[in-house]
C-alpha cells in the first residue's frame, strides 16, 4: 500500500508557519486544520528558523550565492570561447598580412 507523497508550495509552508508563530495556533491544531502531520509542521518551523529566507527553495532551486556561482561559471565559459575565437582570428589575419 503506497501513498503518493504530497508536495507543498513554499507559500503553503510559510502560511502554516504563520498560523503558529503569528496567529497563536498550537502546532497540533494548525497541523490538524491543514491536514498535515504535526511533525512535518515542526520540521518546517525549525527549518524556517534556521535558514530564514533560504528555506523551502524546492527542487532545482538554488540559493542566491549558488546562483551567482553558476552565473560566473557561465561567464567564464563564454569568455574562454571568445578568447579562442579571437586567437584564431588573429592567426588568420597574421597569415593574410605576410
Protein backbone atom coordinates (compact mmCIF):
# COMPACT_ATOMS: atom_id res chain seq x y z
CA UNK A 1 0.00 0.00 0.00
CA UNK A 2 1.90 3.03 -1.22
CA UNK A 3 0.85 6.58 -0.62
CA UNK A 4 1.73 9.30 -3.05
CA UNK A 5 3.80 11.97 -1.44
CA UNK A 6 2.10 15.35 -1.38
CA UNK A 7 4.18 18.35 -2.31
CA UNK A 8 3.51 21.66 -0.64
CA UNK A 9 4.40 25.04 -2.06
CA UNK A 10 6.67 27.47 -0.28
CA UNK A 11 3.66 29.74 0.27
CA UNK A 12 1.69 26.93 1.90
CA UNK A 13 4.57 26.16 4.26
CA UNK A 14 5.02 29.82 5.18
CA UNK A 15 1.29 30.20 5.79
CA UNK A 16 1.33 27.11 8.02
CA UNK A 17 4.25 28.54 9.99
CA UNK A 18 2.45 31.88 10.29
CA UNK A 19 -0.55 30.14 11.85
CA UNK A 20 1.69 29.01 14.69
CA UNK A 21 4.07 31.93 15.05
CA UNK A 22 1.83 34.89 14.27
CA UNK A 23 -1.72 33.76 14.93
CA UNK A 24 -1.07 31.74 18.08
CA UNK A 25 -2.29 28.36 16.89
CA UNK A 26 -0.69 25.34 18.52
CA UNK A 27 1.35 23.14 16.20
CA UNK A 28 -1.12 20.30 16.70
CA UNK A 29 -4.17 22.46 15.95
CA UNK A 30 -2.57 24.11 12.90
CA UNK A 31 -1.46 20.75 11.50
CA UNK A 32 -4.90 19.22 12.00
CA UNK A 33 -6.66 22.15 10.35
CA UNK A 34 -4.30 21.97 7.35
CA UNK A 35 -4.45 18.18 7.09
CA UNK A 36 -0.73 17.67 7.58
CA UNK A 37 1.38 15.77 10.07
CA UNK A 38 2.38 17.80 13.12
CA UNK A 39 5.98 16.55 12.92
CA UNK A 40 6.19 17.88 9.37
CA UNK A 41 4.99 21.28 10.54
CA UNK A 42 7.56 21.22 13.37
CA UNK A 43 10.30 20.47 10.77
CA UNK A 44 9.13 23.38 8.63
CA UNK A 45 9.20 25.73 11.62
CA UNK A 46 12.68 24.56 12.60
CA UNK A 47 13.97 24.86 9.03
CA UNK A 48 12.49 28.33 8.65
CA UNK A 49 14.01 29.43 11.97
CA UNK A 50 17.45 28.14 10.94
CA UNK A 51 17.50 29.17 7.28
CA UNK A 52 15.15 32.12 7.11
CA UNK A 53 14.65 33.34 3.54
CA UNK A 54 16.74 30.48 2.16
CA UNK A 55 14.31 27.85 3.40
CA UNK A 56 11.93 25.94 1.12
CA UNK A 57 13.75 26.61 -2.14
CA UNK A 58 12.32 23.48 -3.73
CA UNK A 59 13.87 21.03 -6.16
CA UNK A 60 16.29 22.55 -8.59
CA UNK A 61 16.25 25.94 -6.97
CA UNK A 62 19.48 27.27 -5.64
CA UNK A 63 20.45 29.89 -3.12
CA UNK A 64 21.42 33.37 -4.27
CA UNK A 65 25.08 32.54 -3.64
CA UNK A 66 24.88 29.32 -5.67
CA UNK A 67 23.05 31.17 -8.45
CA UNK A 68 25.85 33.77 -8.53
CA UNK A 69 28.47 31.00 -8.78
CA UNK A 70 26.60 29.37 -11.66
CA UNK A 71 26.35 32.71 -13.46
CA UNK A 72 30.08 33.40 -13.01
CA UNK A 73 30.95 29.92 -14.28
CA UNK A 74 28.80 30.54 -17.36
CA UNK A 75 30.58 33.84 -17.97
CA UNK A 76 33.98 32.15 -17.66
CA UNK A 77 32.97 29.56 -20.30
CA UNK A 78 31.78 32.28 -22.65
CA UNK A 79 34.95 34.33 -22.19
CA UNK A 80 37.12 31.29 -22.87
CA UNK A 81 35.21 30.62 -26.10
CA UNK A 82 35.55 34.26 -27.15
CA UNK A 83 39.28 34.16 -26.39
CA UNK A 84 39.71 31.08 -28.60
CA UNK A 85 37.81 32.75 -31.43
CA UNK A 86 39.97 35.87 -31.14
CA UNK A 87 43.17 33.77 -31.15
CA UNK A 88 42.05 32.02 -34.34
CA UNK A 89 41.08 35.32 -35.95
CA UNK A 90 44.41 36.87 -35.02
CA UNK A 91 46.27 33.89 -36.52
CA UNK A 92 44.18 34.12 -39.68
CA UNK A 93 44.84 37.84 -40.15
CA UNK A 94 48.52 37.39 -39.34
CA UNK A 95 48.75 34.98 -42.30
CA UNK A 96 46.98 37.50 -44.57
CA UNK A 97 49.44 40.28 -43.73
CA UNK A 98 52.54 38.24 -44.66
